[in-house]
C-alpha atoms as a PDB file:
ATOM      1  CA  UNK A   1       2.509   7.172   2.399  1.00  0.00           C
ATOM      2  CA  UNK A   2       5.682   6.423   2.735  1.00  0.00           C
ATOM      3  CA  UNK A   3       7.520   5.728   6.174  1.00  0.00           C
ATOM      4  CA  UNK A   4       4.096   4.742   7.571  1.00  0.00           C
ATOM      5  CA  UNK A   5       3.947   1.148   7.266  1.00  0.00           C
ATOM      6  CA  UNK A   6       5.692  -0.427  10.745  1.00  0.00           C
ATOM      7  CA  UNK A   7       4.546  -1.785  13.845  1.00  0.00           C
ATOM      8  CA  UNK A   8       2.369   0.196  15.630  1.00  0.00           C
ATOM      9  CA  UNK A   9       1.898   2.580  13.106  1.00  0.00           C
ATOM     10  CA  UNK A  10      -1.188   2.849   9.895  1.00  0.00           C
ATOM     11  CA  UNK A  11      -4.122   0.334  10.102  1.00  0.00           C
ATOM     12  CA  UNK A  12      -5.343  -0.835   7.102  1.00  0.00           C
ATOM     13  CA  UNK A  13      -8.063   1.019   7.556  1.00  0.00           C
ATOM     14  CA  UNK A  14      -6.371   3.847   6.946  1.00  0.00           C
ATOM     15  CA  UNK A  15      -6.191   3.039   3.473  1.00  0.00           C
ATOM     16  CA  UNK A  16      -9.965   2.985   2.726  1.00  0.00           C
ATOM     17  CA  UNK A  17      -9.873   6.962   4.225  1.00  0.00           C
ATOM     18  CA  UNK A  18      -7.040   7.572   2.115  1.00  0.00           C
ATOM     19  CA  UNK A  19      -8.589   6.504  -1.254  1.00  0.00           C
ATOM     20  CA  UNK A  20     -12.210   8.452   0.251  1.00  0.00           C
ATOM     21  CA  UNK A  21     -10.181  11.858   0.453  1.00  0.00           C
ATOM     22  CA  UNK A  22      -8.828  11.414  -2.775  1.00  0.00           C
ATOM     23  CA  UNK A  23     -10.195  12.819  -5.998  1.00  0.00           C
ATOM     24  CA  UNK A  24     -11.451  10.189  -8.561  1.00  0.00           C
ATOM     25  CA  UNK A  25      -8.599   9.741 -10.984  1.00  0.00           C
ATOM     26  CA  UNK A  26      -6.570  10.749  -8.088  1.00  0.00           C
ATOM     27  CA  UNK A  27      -3.199   8.679  -7.380  1.00  0.00           C
ATOM     28  CA  UNK A  28      -2.663   6.571  -3.868  1.00  0.00           C
ATOM     29  CA  UNK A  29       1.650   5.489  -4.194  1.00  0.00           C
ATOM     30  CA  UNK A  30       2.326   3.392  -1.050  1.00  0.00           C
ATOM     31  CA  UNK A  31       5.712   2.340  -0.550  1.00  0.00           C
ATOM     32  CA  UNK A  32       7.279   0.128   1.729  1.00  0.00           C
ATOM     33  CA  UNK A  33      10.122  -2.349   2.521  1.00  0.00           C
ATOM     34  CA  UNK A  34       9.002  -5.818   0.907  1.00  0.00           C
ATOM     35  CA  UNK A  35       9.374  -7.874   3.917  1.00  0.00           C
ATOM     36  CA  UNK A  36       6.929  -5.962   5.501  1.00  0.00           C
ATOM     37  CA  UNK A  37       4.144  -8.117   4.370  1.00  0.00           C
ATOM     38  CA  UNK A  38       5.572 -10.968   6.000  1.00  0.00           C
ATOM     39  CA  UNK A  39       6.833 -10.046   9.205  1.00  0.00           C
ATOM     40  CA  UNK A  40       4.453  -7.398  10.941  1.00  0.00           C
ATOM     41  CA  UNK A  41       1.477  -8.482  11.845  1.00  0.00           C
ATOM     42  CA  UNK A  42      -0.740  -5.472  10.599  1.00  0.00           C
ATOM     43  CA  UNK A  43       0.269  -5.879   7.391  1.00  0.00           C
ATOM     44  CA  UNK A  44       0.119  -9.318   6.394  1.00  0.00           C
ATOM     45  CA  UNK A  45      -3.324  -8.949   5.148  1.00  0.00           C
ATOM     46  CA  UNK A  46      -2.119  -5.934   3.036  1.00  0.00           C
ATOM     47  CA  UNK A  47      -2.139  -7.138  -0.620  1.00  0.00           C
ATOM     48  CA  UNK A  48      -5.582  -9.095  -0.048  1.00  0.00           C
ATOM     49  CA  UNK A  49      -6.905  -5.457   1.685  1.00  0.00           C
ATOM     50  CA  UNK A  50      -5.702  -3.734  -1.766  1.00  0.00           C
ATOM     51  CA  UNK A  51      -6.682  -6.470  -3.871  1.00  0.00           C
ATOM     52  CA  UNK A  52     -10.226  -6.469  -2.042  1.00  0.00           C
ATOM     53  CA  UNK A  53     -10.348  -2.446  -2.665  1.00  0.00           C
ATOM     54  CA  UNK A  54      -9.976  -2.952  -6.862  1.00  0.00           C
ATOM     55  CA  UNK A  55     -12.428  -6.019  -6.666  1.00  0.00           C
ATOM     56  CA  UNK A  56     -14.938  -3.269  -4.783  1.00  0.00           C
ATOM     57  CA  UNK A  57     -13.720  -0.396  -7.556  1.00  0.00           C
ATOM     58  CA  UNK A  58     -12.501   1.454  -5.140  1.00  0.00           C
ATOM     59  CA  UNK A  59      -9.473   1.828  -7.386  1.00  0.00           C
ATOM     60  CA  UNK A  60      -7.573   0.190  -9.638  1.00  0.00           C
ATOM     61  CA  UNK A  61      -3.817  -0.752  -9.281  1.00  0.00           C
ATOM     62  CA  UNK A  62      -1.634   1.110 -11.660  1.00  0.00           C
ATOM     63  CA  UNK A  63       1.578  -1.227 -10.590  1.00  0.00           C
ATOM     64  CA  UNK A  64       3.467  -3.137  -8.332  1.00  0.00           C
ATOM     65  CA  UNK A  65       7.224  -2.533  -8.400  1.00  0.00           C
ATOM     66  CA  UNK A  66      10.027  -4.124  -6.298  1.00  0.00           C
ATOM     67  CA  UNK A  67      13.016  -1.772  -5.323  1.00  0.00           C
ATOM     68  CA  UNK A  68      16.274  -3.432  -4.634  1.00  0.00           C
ATOM     69  CA  UNK A  69      17.845  -1.617  -1.778  1.00  0.00           C
ATOM     70  CA  UNK A  70      15.186   0.385  -0.969  1.00  0.00           C
ATOM     71  CA  UNK A  71      16.102   1.123   2.199  1.00  0.00           C
ATOM     72  CA  UNK A  72      19.118  -0.472   4.552  1.00  0.00           C
ATOM     73  CA  UNK A  73      19.716  -2.699   2.065  1.00  0.00           C
ATOM     74  CA  UNK A  74      16.352  -4.336   1.674  1.00  0.00           C
ATOM     75  CA  UNK A  75      14.298  -4.364  -1.019  1.00  0.00           C
ATOM     76  CA  UNK A  76      11.158  -2.446  -1.076  1.00  0.00           C
ATOM     77  CA  UNK A  77       7.626  -2.368  -2.701  1.00  0.00           C
ATOM     78  CA  UNK A  78       5.749   0.339  -4.571  1.00  0.00           C
ATOM     79  CA  UNK A  79       2.325   0.362  -5.381  1.00  0.00           C
ATOM     80  CA  UNK A  80       0.238   2.875  -7.419  1.00  0.00           C
ATOM     81  CA  UNK A  81      -3.695   2.947  -7.471  1.00  0.00           C
ATOM     82  CA  UNK A  82      -5.806   5.202  -9.080  1.00  0.00           C
ATOM     83  CA  UNK A  83      -8.736   6.357  -7.302  1.00  0.00           C
ATOM     84  CA  UNK A  84     -12.115   5.241  -8.969  1.00  0.00           C
END
């Protein structure tokens, strides 16, 4: 998912549904501006939510990569998860 993680768009609960509809062994890739995790109220719990999904066995984290100059001179972060 890219471009949906801005204020008022995709809710955190949508990721659980995204994992549910992805075949086991399939991948969920999420990219966003890195600053969004601290500056957009809806996403300040993003890291904690993703970690909870890992603990529950819903998916495993394959990678988390900071990407320089992702959008308009701002860094981004790309998460890759494999659905269990």
